Amino acid sequence: MIVEGDFFAEPKQCPATVTVAEMCERFTGAGLPCRAERHGQEVWIVFQGRNANLVFTVNPSGRPLTANLPKEADYDADFACIIFDVFDGIGWKFMPDED
């Protein structure tokens, strides 16, 4: 299963009210242990034991603005459901890439 696209905050919640560290806590609490890594202007959430990550753009205060699910081979339905549930919990919506 390949899941690719972007998550965006709803306009009333932009920038997000949670930090990337809090997002890691939510994913870990939902059963997806992970860590945050800074890569220039982006912050990646890297999931332990998976060839998968989320790439966040952040504002100067470190709050996430968008998240991207790059093409990866290690997504499955259970993983995707947890990702969607966590983002739904903070009011973000998914915009699939159009090919």
Protein backbone atom coordinates (compact mmCIF):
# COMPACT_ATOMS: atom_id res chain seq x y z
CA MET A 1 0.00 0.00 0.00
CA ILE A 2 1.39 3.39 -0.92
CA VAL A 3 0.00 6.43 0.81
CA GLU A 4 1.23 9.75 -0.47
CA GLY A 5 -0.02 13.25 0.07
CA ASP A 6 -0.10 16.17 2.44
CA PHE A 7 -1.85 16.96 5.69
CA PHE A 8 -2.89 20.56 6.26
CA ALA A 9 -4.21 22.37 9.29
CA GLU A 10 -7.69 23.77 8.98
CA PRO A 11 -7.45 27.57 8.45
CA LYS A 12 -8.71 28.34 11.95
CA GLN A 13 -5.93 26.18 13.43
CA CYS A 14 -2.99 27.43 11.40
CA PRO A 15 -0.36 27.27 12.74
CA ALA A 16 -1.02 24.08 14.66
CA THR A 17 -1.68 24.23 18.36
CA VAL A 18 0.61 21.23 18.95
CA THR A 19 4.35 20.92 18.55
CA VAL A 20 6.14 18.23 16.56
CA ALA A 21 7.27 16.73 19.89
CA GLU A 22 3.63 16.48 20.96
CA MET A 23 2.83 14.82 17.63
CA CYS A 24 5.53 12.22 18.40
CA GLU A 25 3.88 11.61 21.77
CA ARG A 26 0.51 11.10 20.07
CA PHE A 27 1.93 8.64 17.53
CA THR A 28 3.83 6.75 20.23
CA GLY A 29 0.71 6.62 22.41
CA ALA A 30 -1.23 5.22 19.45
CA GLY A 31 1.30 2.41 19.00
CA LEU A 32 3.76 3.94 16.51
CA PRO A 33 6.99 4.68 18.41
CA CYS A 34 8.92 7.46 16.70
CA ARG A 35 11.41 10.29 17.10
CA ALA A 36 11.74 13.78 15.60
CA GLU A 37 14.80 14.79 13.57
CA ARG A 38 15.56 18.30 12.32
CA HIS A 39 16.69 18.54 8.67
CA GLY A 40 17.18 22.20 7.77
CA GLN A 41 13.77 23.87 7.58
CA GLU A 42 11.95 20.55 7.97
CA VAL A 43 11.31 18.24 10.88
CA TRP A 44 10.96 14.54 10.17
CA ILE A 45 9.09 12.09 12.34
CA VAL A 46 10.87 8.79 11.86
CA PHE A 47 8.92 5.69 12.88
CA GLN A 48 10.89 2.98 14.65
CA GLY A 49 11.03 -0.37 12.89
CA ARG A 50 9.57 1.02 9.66
CA ASN A 51 10.89 2.45 6.45
CA ALA A 52 8.48 5.35 6.84
CA ASN A 53 8.48 8.96 7.95
CA LEU A 54 6.46 12.15 7.95
CA VAL A 55 8.06 15.39 6.80
CA PHE A 56 6.79 18.55 8.51
CA THR A 57 7.29 22.15 7.51
CA VAL A 58 7.38 24.30 10.63
CA ASN A 59 7.09 27.99 11.42
CA PRO A 60 9.90 29.86 13.26
CA SER A 61 8.43 28.89 16.64
CA GLY A 62 8.57 25.20 15.69
CA ARG A 63 4.85 24.63 15.23
CA PRO A 64 3.96 22.41 12.25
CA LEU A 65 2.34 24.01 9.20
CA THR A 66 2.06 21.00 6.87
CA ALA A 67 3.02 17.34 6.90
CA ASN A 68 3.88 15.17 3.94
CA LEU A 69 3.80 11.40 3.59
CA PRO A 70 6.53 10.63 1.05
CA LYS A 71 6.29 7.51 -1.12
CA GLU A 72 7.44 4.57 0.94
CA ALA A 73 7.17 0.81 0.63
CA ASP A 74 6.48 0.18 4.32
CA TYR A 75 2.96 1.55 4.73
CA ASP A 76 0.16 -0.84 5.57
CA ALA A 77 -3.51 -0.32 6.40
CA ASP A 78 -3.00 -0.42 10.19
CA PHE A 79 -0.17 2.12 9.99
CA ALA A 80 -2.19 4.42 7.72
CA CYS A 81 -5.24 4.25 10.01
CA ILE A 82 -3.18 5.37 13.00
CA ILE A 83 -1.65 8.23 11.00
CA PHE A 84 -5.09 9.41 9.88
CA ASP A 85 -6.57 9.05 13.39
CA VAL A 86 -3.80 11.16 14.95
CA PHE A 87 -4.18 13.91 12.35
CA ASP A 88 -7.98 13.79 12.62
CA GLY A 89 -7.54 14.24 16.38
CA ILE A 90 -5.85 17.61 15.86
CA GLY A 91 -8.23 18.75 13.11
CA TRP A 92 -5.92 18.37 10.11
CA LYS A 93 -7.18 17.16 6.74
CA PHE A 94 -5.52 14.93 4.14
CA MET A 95 -4.97 16.04 0.54
CA PRO A 96 -3.80 13.11 -1.63
CA ASP A 97 -1.26 13.82 -4.34
CA GLU A 98 -2.74 13.76 -7.81
CA ASP A 99 -0.76 11.86 -10.39
